[in-house]
C-alpha atoms as a PDB file:
ATOM      1  CA  MET A   1      -5.424  32.180 105.218  1.00  0.00           C
ATOM      2  CA  LEU A   2      -6.835  34.575 107.791  1.00  0.00           C
ATOM      3  CA  LYS A   3      -5.065  37.183 109.879  1.00  0.00           C
ATOM      4  CA  ILE A   4      -6.812  38.980 112.734  1.00  0.00           C
ATOM      5  CA  LEU A   5      -5.745  42.546 113.455  1.00  0.00           C
ATOM      6  CA  PRO A   6      -6.780  44.394 116.633  1.00  0.00           C
ATOM      7  CA  ILE A   7      -7.443  48.119 116.358  1.00  0.00           C
ATOM      8  CA  PRO A   8      -7.426  49.888 119.747  1.00  0.00           C
ATOM      9  CA  ALA A   9     -10.234  52.406 120.182  1.00  0.00           C
ATOM     10  CA  PHE A  10     -11.460  54.716 122.938  1.00  0.00           C
ATOM     11  CA  LYS A  11      -9.933  53.803 126.316  1.00  0.00           C
ATOM     12  CA  ASP A  12      -9.920  50.016 126.142  1.00  0.00           C
ATOM     13  CA  ASN A  13     -12.013  48.846 123.151  1.00  0.00           C
ATOM     14  CA  TYR A  14     -10.855  46.581 120.382  1.00  0.00           C
ATOM     15  CA  ILE A  15     -12.177  46.798 116.835  1.00  0.00           C
ATOM     16  CA  TRP A  16     -11.247  43.692 114.851  1.00  0.00           C
ATOM     17  CA  LEU A  17     -10.207  43.300 111.221  1.00  0.00           C
ATOM     18  CA  ILE A  18     -10.533  39.780 109.832  1.00  0.00           C
ATOM     19  CA  ILE A  19      -8.133  39.795 106.892  1.00  0.00           C
ATOM     20  CA  HIS A  20      -7.966  37.343 103.992  1.00  0.00           C
ATOM     21  CA  THR A  21      -4.216  37.527 103.405  1.00  0.00           C
ATOM     22  CA  SER A  22      -4.228  36.331  99.798  1.00  0.00           C
ATOM     23  CA  THR A  23      -6.779  38.913  98.610  1.00  0.00           C
ATOM     24  CA  ASP A  24      -6.311  41.780 101.125  1.00  0.00           C
ATOM     25  CA  GLN A  25     -10.035  41.836 101.706  1.00  0.00           C
ATOM     26  CA  CYS A  26     -11.368  42.098 105.226  1.00  0.00           C
ATOM     27  CA  LEU A  27     -14.317  42.118 107.587  1.00  0.00           C
ATOM     28  CA  ILE A  28     -14.696  44.855 110.206  1.00  0.00           C
ATOM     29  CA  VAL A  29     -16.052  43.793 113.592  1.00  0.00           C
ATOM     30  CA  ASP A  30     -17.680  46.303 115.975  1.00  0.00           C
ATOM     31  CA  PRO A  31     -16.272  49.630 114.710  1.00  0.00           C
ATOM     32  CA  GLY A  32     -17.047  51.979 117.576  1.00  0.00           C
ATOM     33  CA  GLU A  33     -15.200  54.768 115.802  1.00  0.00           C
ATOM     34  CA  ALA A  34     -14.165  55.191 112.179  1.00  0.00           C
ATOM     35  CA  PRO A  35     -10.815  57.079 112.091  1.00  0.00           C
ATOM     36  CA  PRO A  36      -8.577  54.284 113.429  1.00  0.00           C
ATOM     37  CA  VAL A  37     -10.273  51.799 111.099  1.00  0.00           C
ATOM     38  CA  LEU A  38      -9.807  54.034 108.061  1.00  0.00           C
ATOM     39  CA  SER A  39      -6.174  54.554 109.030  1.00  0.00           C
ATOM     40  CA  SER A  40      -5.564  50.789 109.263  1.00  0.00           C
ATOM     41  CA  LEU A  41      -7.330  50.102 105.971  1.00  0.00           C
ATOM     42  CA  ARG A  42      -5.065  52.634 104.259  1.00  0.00           C
ATOM     43  CA  GLU A  43      -1.907  51.448 106.027  1.00  0.00           C
ATOM     44  CA  TYR A  44      -2.424  47.793 105.120  1.00  0.00           C
ATOM     45  CA  ARG A  45      -4.134  48.476 101.773  1.00  0.00           C
ATOM     46  CA  LEU A  46      -7.218  46.489 102.695  1.00  0.00           C
ATOM     47  CA  THR A  47     -10.647  46.414 101.095  1.00  0.00           C
ATOM     48  CA  PRO A  48     -13.563  45.745 103.447  1.00  0.00           C
ATOM     49  CA  VAL A  49     -16.355  43.497 102.204  1.00  0.00           C
ATOM     50  CA  ALA A  50     -18.706  43.658 105.215  1.00  0.00           C
ATOM     51  CA  ILE A  51     -19.181  44.980 108.738  1.00  0.00           C
ATOM     52  CA  PHE A  52     -20.152  42.643 111.589  1.00  0.00           C
ATOM     53  CA  LEU A  53     -21.870  44.065 114.681  1.00  0.00           C
ATOM     54  CA  THR A  54     -22.412  42.086 117.885  1.00  0.00           C
ATOM     55  CA  HIS A  55     -24.717  44.523 119.716  1.00  0.00           C
ATOM     56  CA  HIS A  56     -25.975  48.085 119.713  1.00  0.00           C
ATOM     57  CA  HIS A  57     -23.805  49.868 122.304  1.00  0.00           C
ATOM     58  CA  TYR A  58     -22.238  53.056 120.978  1.00  0.00           C
ATOM     59  CA  ASP A  59     -18.645  51.927 121.463  1.00  0.00           C
ATOM     60  CA  HIS A  60     -19.316  49.078 119.024  1.00  0.00           C
ATOM     61  CA  VAL A  61     -21.386  50.830 116.341  1.00  0.00           C
ATOM     62  CA  ASN A  62     -20.697  54.578 116.267  1.00  0.00           C
ATOM     63  CA  GLY A  63     -18.154  54.353 113.458  1.00  0.00           C
ATOM     64  CA  VAL A  64     -20.435  52.530 111.051  1.00  0.00           C
ATOM     65  CA  ALA A  65     -22.087  55.541 109.401  1.00  0.00           C
ATOM     66  CA  GLU A  66     -18.774  57.212 108.577  1.00  0.00           C
ATOM     67  CA  LEU A  67     -17.235  53.975 107.310  1.00  0.00           C
ATOM     68  CA  LEU A  68     -20.166  53.492 104.939  1.00  0.00           C
ATOM     69  CA  THR A  69     -19.471  56.846 103.291  1.00  0.00           C
ATOM     70  CA  HIS A  70     -16.100  55.435 102.225  1.00  0.00           C
ATOM     71  CA  TYR A  71     -17.036  51.771 101.766  1.00  0.00           C
ATOM     72  CA  PRO A  72     -20.740  51.035 101.085  1.00  0.00           C
ATOM     73  CA  VAL A  73     -20.616  47.415 102.267  1.00  0.00           C
ATOM     74  CA  PRO A  74     -23.273  45.156 103.821  1.00  0.00           C
ATOM     75  CA  VAL A  75     -23.752  45.537 107.571  1.00  0.00           C
ATOM     76  CA  PHE A  76     -24.700  42.459 109.587  1.00  0.00           C
ATOM     77  CA  GLY A  77     -26.102  42.844 113.091  1.00  0.00           C
ATOM     78  CA  PRO A  78     -28.768  41.746 115.578  1.00  0.00           C
ATOM     79  CA  ALA A  79     -32.286  42.137 114.214  1.00  0.00           C
ATOM     80  CA  ALA A  80     -33.896  42.940 117.567  1.00  0.00           C
ATOM     81  CA  GLU A  81     -31.643  45.869 118.433  1.00  0.00           C
ATOM     82  CA  ASN A  82     -31.859  49.442 117.183  1.00  0.00           C
ATOM     83  CA  ILE A  83     -28.953  49.827 114.751  1.00  0.00           C
ATOM     84  CA  PRO A  84     -30.166  51.865 111.755  1.00  0.00           C
ATOM     85  CA  GLN A  85     -27.260  50.946 109.476  1.00  0.00           C
ATOM     86  CA  VAL A  86     -27.868  47.179 109.610  1.00  0.00           C
ATOM     87  CA  THR A  87     -28.742  45.874 106.148  1.00  0.00           C
ATOM     88  CA  HIS A  88     -28.659  42.167 107.028  1.00  0.00           C
ATOM     89  CA  PRO A  89     -30.508  41.595 110.323  1.00  0.00           C
ATOM     90  CA  LEU A  90     -29.646  38.402 112.203  1.00  0.00           C
ATOM     91  CA  SER A  91     -31.317  36.502 115.019  1.00  0.00           C
ATOM     92  CA  GLY A  92     -28.662  33.859 115.584  1.00  0.00           C
ATOM     93  CA  ASN A  93     -28.294  30.290 114.307  1.00  0.00           C
ATOM     94  CA  GLU A  94     -27.727  31.541 110.740  1.00  0.00           C
ATOM     95  CA  THR A  95     -24.802  30.520 108.556  1.00  0.00           C
ATOM     96  CA  LEU A  96     -23.325  33.310 106.437  1.00  0.00           C
ATOM     97  CA  THR A  97     -21.427  32.568 103.231  1.00  0.00           C
ATOM     98  CA  LEU A  98     -18.975  35.271 102.194  1.00  0.00           C
ATOM     99  CA  LYS A  99     -17.843  34.210  98.745  1.00  0.00           C
ATOM    100  CA  GLU A 100     -15.363  37.085  98.403  1.00  0.00           C
ATOM    101  CA  MET A 101     -13.331  35.702 101.299  1.00  0.00           C
ATOM    102  CA  ASP A 102     -14.248  32.024 100.867  1.00  0.00           C
ATOM    103  CA  LEU A 103     -15.672  31.999 104.396  1.00  0.00           C
ATOM    104  CA  GLU A 104     -18.576  30.446 106.215  1.00  0.00           C
ATOM    105  CA  VAL A 105     -19.560  32.161 109.447  1.00  0.00           C
ATOM    106  CA  SER A 106     -21.879  30.750 112.102  1.00  0.00           C
ATOM    107  CA  VAL A 107     -23.989  33.314 113.955  1.00  0.00           C
ATOM    108  CA  LEU A 108     -24.543  32.463 117.614  1.00  0.00           C
ATOM    109  CA  PRO A 109     -27.349  33.970 119.739  1.00  0.00           C
ATOM    110  CA  ILE A 110     -25.779  35.050 123.052  1.00  0.00           C
ATOM    111  CA  PRO A 111     -28.192  37.464 124.822  1.00  0.00           C
ATOM    112  CA  GLY A 112     -27.621  38.738 128.330  1.00  0.00           C
ATOM    113  CA  HIS A 113     -25.400  41.788 128.044  1.00  0.00           C
ATOM    114  CA  THR A 114     -27.996  43.179 125.635  1.00  0.00           C
ATOM    115  CA  ARG A 115     -31.319  41.679 124.665  1.00  0.00           C
ATOM    116  CA  ALA A 116     -30.238  40.281 121.276  1.00  0.00           C
ATOM    117  CA  HIS A 117     -26.430  40.119 121.397  1.00  0.00           C
ATOM    118  CA  ILE A 118     -24.857  37.795 118.807  1.00  0.00           C
ATOM    119  CA  ALA A 119     -21.426  36.301 118.137  1.00  0.00           C
ATOM    120  CA  TYR A 120     -19.645  35.330 114.935  1.00  0.00           C
ATOM    121  CA  TYR A 121     -17.801  31.990 114.805  1.00  0.00           C
ATOM    122  CA  LEU A 122     -15.474  31.198 111.917  1.00  0.00           C
ATOM    123  CA  GLY A 123     -12.733  28.636 111.839  1.00  0.00           C
ATOM    124  CA  ASN A 124     -11.345  28.598 115.363  1.00  0.00           C
ATOM    125  CA  HIS A 125     -12.196  32.255 116.032  1.00  0.00           C
ATOM    126  CA  VAL A 126     -15.222  33.577 117.922  1.00  0.00           C
ATOM    127  CA  PHE A 127     -16.011  37.289 118.031  1.00  0.00           C
ATOM    128  CA  CYS A 128     -18.231  37.623 121.064  1.00  0.00           C
ATOM    129  CA  GLY A 129     -18.438  41.357 121.747  1.00  0.00           C
ATOM    130  CA  ASP A 130     -19.197  42.030 125.404  1.00  0.00           C
ATOM    131  CA  THR A 131     -20.718  38.688 126.424  1.00  0.00           C
ATOM    132  CA  LEU A 132     -17.618  36.613 127.162  1.00  0.00           C
ATOM    133  CA  PHE A 133     -14.560  38.629 128.148  1.00  0.00           C
ATOM    134  CA  THR A 134     -11.096  37.259 128.669  1.00  0.00           C
ATOM    135  CA  ALA A 135     -11.234  36.065 132.304  1.00  0.00           C
ATOM    136  CA  GLY A 136     -14.716  37.559 132.769  1.00  0.00           C
ATOM    137  CA  CYS A 137     -18.119  38.303 131.275  1.00  0.00           C
ATOM    138  CA  GLY A 138     -20.250  41.322 130.492  1.00  0.00           C
ATOM    139  CA  ARG A 139     -22.678  43.101 132.774  1.00  0.00           C
ATOM    140  CA  LEU A 140     -26.402  42.399 132.529  1.00  0.00           C
ATOM    141  CA  PHE A 141     -27.646  45.645 131.014  1.00  0.00           C
ATOM    142  CA  GLU A 142     -30.770  44.356 129.244  1.00  0.00           C
ATOM    143  CA  GLY A 143     -30.824  40.600 129.652  1.00  0.00           C
ATOM    144  CA  THR A 144     -31.131  38.279 132.619  1.00  0.00           C
ATOM    145  CA  ALA A 145     -28.687  36.113 134.551  1.00  0.00           C
ATOM    146  CA  VAL A 146     -30.424  33.046 133.115  1.00  0.00           C
ATOM    147  CA  GLN A 147     -29.862  34.301 129.569  1.00  0.00           C
ATOM    148  CA  MET A 148     -26.216  35.139 130.224  1.00  0.00           C
ATOM    149  CA  PHE A 149     -25.534  31.795 131.894  1.00  0.00           C
ATOM    150  CA  HIS A 150     -26.938  29.929 128.894  1.00  0.00           C
ATOM    151  CA  SER A 151     -25.097  32.198 126.452  1.00  0.00           C
ATOM    152  CA  LEU A 152     -21.805  31.506 128.215  1.00  0.00           C
ATOM    153  CA  SER A 153     -22.628  27.791 128.232  1.00  0.00           C
ATOM    154  CA  HIS A 154     -23.188  28.022 124.462  1.00  0.00           C
ATOM    155  CA  LEU A 155     -19.768  29.605 123.996  1.00  0.00           C
ATOM    156  CA  LYS A 156     -18.136  27.197 126.454  1.00  0.00           C
ATOM    157  CA  ALA A 157     -19.297  24.284 124.288  1.00  0.00           C
ATOM    158  CA  LEU A 158     -17.097  25.433 121.376  1.00  0.00           C
ATOM    159  CA  PRO A 159     -13.822  23.535 120.859  1.00  0.00           C
ATOM    160  CA  ASP A 160     -11.041  24.200 123.376  1.00  0.00           C
ATOM    161  CA  GLU A 161      -8.747  25.607 120.688  1.00  0.00           C
ATOM    162  CA  THR A 162     -11.274  28.357 119.850  1.00  0.00           C
ATOM    163  CA  LEU A 163      -9.728  31.816 120.159  1.00  0.00           C
ATOM    164  CA  VAL A 164     -11.902  34.308 122.031  1.00  0.00           C
ATOM    165  CA  TYR A 165     -11.966  37.833 120.580  1.00  0.00           C
ATOM    166  CA  CYS A 166     -13.890  40.152 122.888  1.00  0.00           C
ATOM    167  CA  GLY A 167     -14.548  43.874 122.713  1.00  0.00           C
ATOM    168  CA  HIS A 168     -12.361  45.207 125.538  1.00  0.00           C
ATOM    169  CA  GLU A 169      -8.957  44.942 127.196  1.00  0.00           C
ATOM    170  CA  TYR A 170     -10.297  43.883 130.590  1.00  0.00           C
ATOM    171  CA  THR A 171      -8.156  40.828 131.321  1.00  0.00           C
ATOM    172  CA  GLY A 172      -6.122  42.336 134.160  1.00  0.00           C
ATOM    173  CA  GLN A 173      -9.186  43.692 135.961  1.00  0.00           C
ATOM    174  CA  ASN A 174     -11.053  40.436 135.511  1.00  0.00           C
ATOM    175  CA  LEU A 175      -8.177  38.396 136.874  1.00  0.00           C
ATOM    176  CA  GLN A 176      -8.263  40.393 140.095  1.00  0.00           C
ATOM    177  CA  PHE A 177     -11.760  39.098 140.627  1.00  0.00           C
ATOM    178  CA  ALA A 178     -10.803  35.588 139.497  1.00  0.00           C
ATOM    179  CA  ILE A 179      -7.994  35.343 142.074  1.00  0.00           C
ATOM    180  CA  THR A 180     -10.361  36.613 144.771  1.00  0.00           C
ATOM    181  CA  VAL A 181     -12.793  33.822 143.902  1.00  0.00           C
ATOM    182  CA  GLU A 182     -10.084  31.159 143.594  1.00  0.00           C
ATOM    183  CA  PRO A 183      -6.991  32.355 145.513  1.00  0.00           C
ATOM    184  CA  HIS A 184      -5.281  28.968 145.196  1.00  0.00           C
ATOM    185  CA  ASN A 185      -5.873  28.396 141.476  1.00  0.00           C
ATOM    186  CA  PRO A 186      -2.382  28.042 139.934  1.00  0.00           C
ATOM    187  CA  ASP A 187      -3.703  28.709 136.425  1.00  0.00           C
ATOM    188  CA  VAL A 188      -5.088  32.076 137.512  1.00  0.00           C
ATOM    189  CA  MET A 189      -1.792  32.944 139.205  1.00  0.00           C
ATOM    190  CA  ALA A 190       0.151  32.079 136.058  1.00  0.00           C
ATOM    191  CA  ARG A 191      -2.256  34.055 133.879  1.00  0.00           C
ATOM    192  CA  ILE A 192      -1.869  37.139 136.070  1.00  0.00           C
ATOM    193  CA  SER A 193       1.909  37.003 135.553  1.00  0.00           C
ATOM    194  CA  ALA A 194       1.561  36.536 131.797  1.00  0.00           C
ATOM    195  CA  THR A 195      -1.010  39.328 131.574  1.00  0.00           C
ATOM    196  CA  ASN A 196       1.159  41.752 133.544  1.00  0.00           C
ATOM    197  CA  LEU A 197       4.104  41.040 131.234  1.00  0.00           C
ATOM    198  CA  LYS A 198       2.040  41.663 128.107  1.00  0.00           C
ATOM    199  CA  ARG A 199       0.538  44.889 129.392  1.00  0.00           C
ATOM    200  CA  GLN A 200       3.964  46.179 130.476  1.00  0.00           C
ATOM    201  CA  GLN A 201       4.947  45.771 126.810  1.00  0.00           C
ATOM    202  CA  ASN A 202       1.683  47.416 125.690  1.00  0.00           C
ATOM    203  CA  LEU A 203       0.597  44.179 124.010  1.00  0.00           C
ATOM    204  CA  PRO A 204      -3.023  42.996 123.855  1.00  0.00           C
ATOM    205  CA  THR A 205      -4.060  40.083 126.045  1.00  0.00           C
ATOM    206  CA  VAL A 206      -6.839  39.236 123.599  1.00  0.00           C
ATOM    207  CA  PRO A 207      -7.411  36.723 122.100  1.00  0.00           C
ATOM    208  CA  ALA A 208      -7.190  33.825 124.522  1.00  0.00           C
ATOM    209  CA  THR A 209      -8.035  30.178 123.971  1.00  0.00           C
ATOM    210  CA  LEU A 210     -11.281  28.817 125.298  1.00  0.00           C
ATOM    211  CA  ALA A 211      -9.207  26.162 127.059  1.00  0.00           C
ATOM    212  CA  LEU A 212      -7.496  28.898 129.094  1.00  0.00           C
ATOM    213  CA  GLU A 213     -10.839  30.531 129.827  1.00  0.00           C
ATOM    214  CA  LYS A 214     -12.169  27.258 131.219  1.00  0.00           C
ATOM    215  CA  LEU A 215      -9.203  27.095 133.610  1.00  0.00           C
ATOM    216  CA  THR A 216      -9.212  30.718 134.773  1.00  0.00           C
ATOM    217  CA  ASN A 217     -12.544  32.450 134.102  1.00  0.00           C
ATOM    218  CA  PRO A 218     -14.798  32.058 137.162  1.00  0.00           C
ATOM    219  CA  PHE A 219     -17.926  32.648 135.086  1.00  0.00           C
ATOM    220  CA  LEU A 220     -17.121  29.498 133.074  1.00  0.00           C
ATOM    221  CA  ARG A 221     -16.274  27.558 136.242  1.00  0.00           C
ATOM    222  CA  CYS A 222     -19.577  27.709 138.107  1.00  0.00           C
ATOM    223  CA  GLN A 223     -19.650  23.909 138.363  1.00  0.00           C
ATOM    224  CA  GLU A 224     -16.309  23.819 140.231  1.00  0.00           C
ATOM    225  CA  ALA A 225     -16.456  23.163 143.970  1.00  0.00           C
ATOM    226  CA  SER A 226     -13.981  25.963 144.721  1.00  0.00           C
ATOM    227  CA  VAL A 227     -16.034  28.546 142.819  1.00  0.00           C
ATOM    228  CA  ARG A 228     -19.282  27.378 144.359  1.00  0.00           C
ATOM    229  CA  ALA A 229     -17.773  27.572 147.870  1.00  0.00           C
ATOM    230  CA  ALA A 230     -16.544  31.121 147.255  1.00  0.00           C
ATOM    231  CA  ALA A 231     -19.929  32.222 145.928  1.00  0.00           C
ATOM    232  CA  GLU A 232     -21.708  30.640 148.891  1.00  0.00           C
ATOM    233  CA  ALA A 233     -19.337  32.358 151.314  1.00  0.00           C
ATOM    234  CA  TYR A 234     -20.028  35.699 149.633  1.00  0.00           C
ATOM    235  CA  ALA A 235     -23.814  35.239 149.549  1.00  0.00           C
ATOM    236  CA  GLN A 236     -23.981  33.394 152.881  1.00  0.00           C
ATOM    237  CA  ILE A 237     -26.495  30.944 151.440  1.00  0.00           C
ATOM    238  CA  SER A 238     -26.362  27.491 149.874  1.00  0.00           C
ATOM    239  CA  LEU A 239     -26.323  27.513 146.072  1.00  0.00           C
ATOM    240  CA  SER A 240     -27.749  24.378 144.517  1.00  0.00           C
ATOM    241  CA  THR A 241     -27.005  24.877 140.812  1.00  0.00           C
ATOM    242  CA  PRO A 242     -24.231  26.309 138.615  1.00  0.00           C
ATOM    243  CA  GLU A 243     -26.784  28.851 137.382  1.00  0.00           C
ATOM    244  CA  ALA A 244     -27.310  30.085 140.944  1.00  0.00           C
ATOM    245  CA  VAL A 245     -23.540  30.266 141.402  1.00  0.00           C
ATOM    246  CA  PHE A 246     -23.291  32.367 138.230  1.00  0.00           C
ATOM    247  CA  ARG A 247     -25.991  34.770 139.401  1.00  0.00           C
ATOM    248  CA  THR A 248     -24.129  35.278 142.679  1.00  0.00           C
ATOM    249  CA  LEU A 249     -20.774  35.754 140.953  1.00  0.00           C
ATOM    250  CA  ARG A 250     -22.219  38.386 138.636  1.00  0.00           C
ATOM    251  CA  THR A 251     -23.718  40.295 141.565  1.00  0.00           C
ATOM    252  CA  TRP A 252     -20.416  40.024 143.438  1.00  0.00           C
ATOM    253  CA  LYS A 253     -18.410  41.250 140.458  1.00  0.00           C
ATOM    254  CA  ASP A 254     -20.736  44.243 140.016  1.00  0.00           C
ATOM    255  CA  SER A 255     -19.657  45.592 143.418  1.00  0.00           C
ATOM    256  CA  PHE A 256     -16.050  44.404 143.258  1.00  0.00           C
ATOM    257  CA  LYS A 257     -13.385  47.083 143.716  1.00  0.00           C
ATOM    258  CA  ILE A 258     -10.524  46.987 141.208  1.00  0.00           C
ATOM    259  CA  ASN A 259      -7.010  47.690 142.461  1.00  0.00           C
ATOM    260  CA  SER A 260      -3.898  48.410 140.435  1.00  0.00           C
ATOM    261  CA  LEU A 261      -2.114  45.231 139.381  1.00  0.00           C
END
C-alpha cells in the first residue's frame, strides 16, 4: 500500500514522499531543499530508500547533497543533465525494481522543459516534475515545442485514472489561461471553483487525474476545435496541426498576464 505525501517547499514547490505504509520506507522525489524533508522523515518515522530526480533545476535538486549526509541512498536522475549526486543515470524507457518497497517504476523520457527531463510512473501515479502541470505545462527552457508536444502526448496516453504529481502549485494560475482559451468550457469553470475552495483552505490542488487534465488543460486539448480556434485568433493565422496549436498556445501563455483569482 502506497501513500503519497506532499512537502511544500520554497514559494510554491512540492517535494513528494512515496511511502510504503507497511514498512515505513519511502522514496523522495525532487528535493529542492533538505530541511522540510528531514522534518517530515522524523515526524512520520520514515526511512528513505532512494531519491528520484526529474530534472536539474535547483528547486528540484538543491536538497540532495544535505539529505545524503543523513541517508546515503541511491540517487536516480537524468543521465544527460548535470546533477553531480546522481548515482543511477537514466535516459528514459527503463524499468526500475525497488525490492525494498516491492515496486516497479517505469521511467518516461519527457524532454522539453529541460533537455533530458524524465518522469516516474508507478501504479496509477506519475511524477512528472515541470513538464505537465495541473491545468498547464512547463516553459521551454532547453527543449523545443516539438519535444514538449510529444512529451505531453506520451503522458496523455497513460490511463485516465493516472494521478498527476507535478512540481508546483500552479493550478489557479494555469486555469486563468485555460478559461481565456476556452471561456465556455464548463469543466474549466467547475475546476476553477473547486481550486479556489481548496486554496482558501490551504489545501494542495495536486494531484489531479489525467482524465480531468484532458477536460481542462488546454495543452492536452490541442486537437479540440475550440482550442484551435482560440489559438488561431491569437496568432491570426491558420494552424493546420495540433502541434502548431501547441506551439502557439505556449507562446501565448509565455506573455499571459496572471490576475488574482
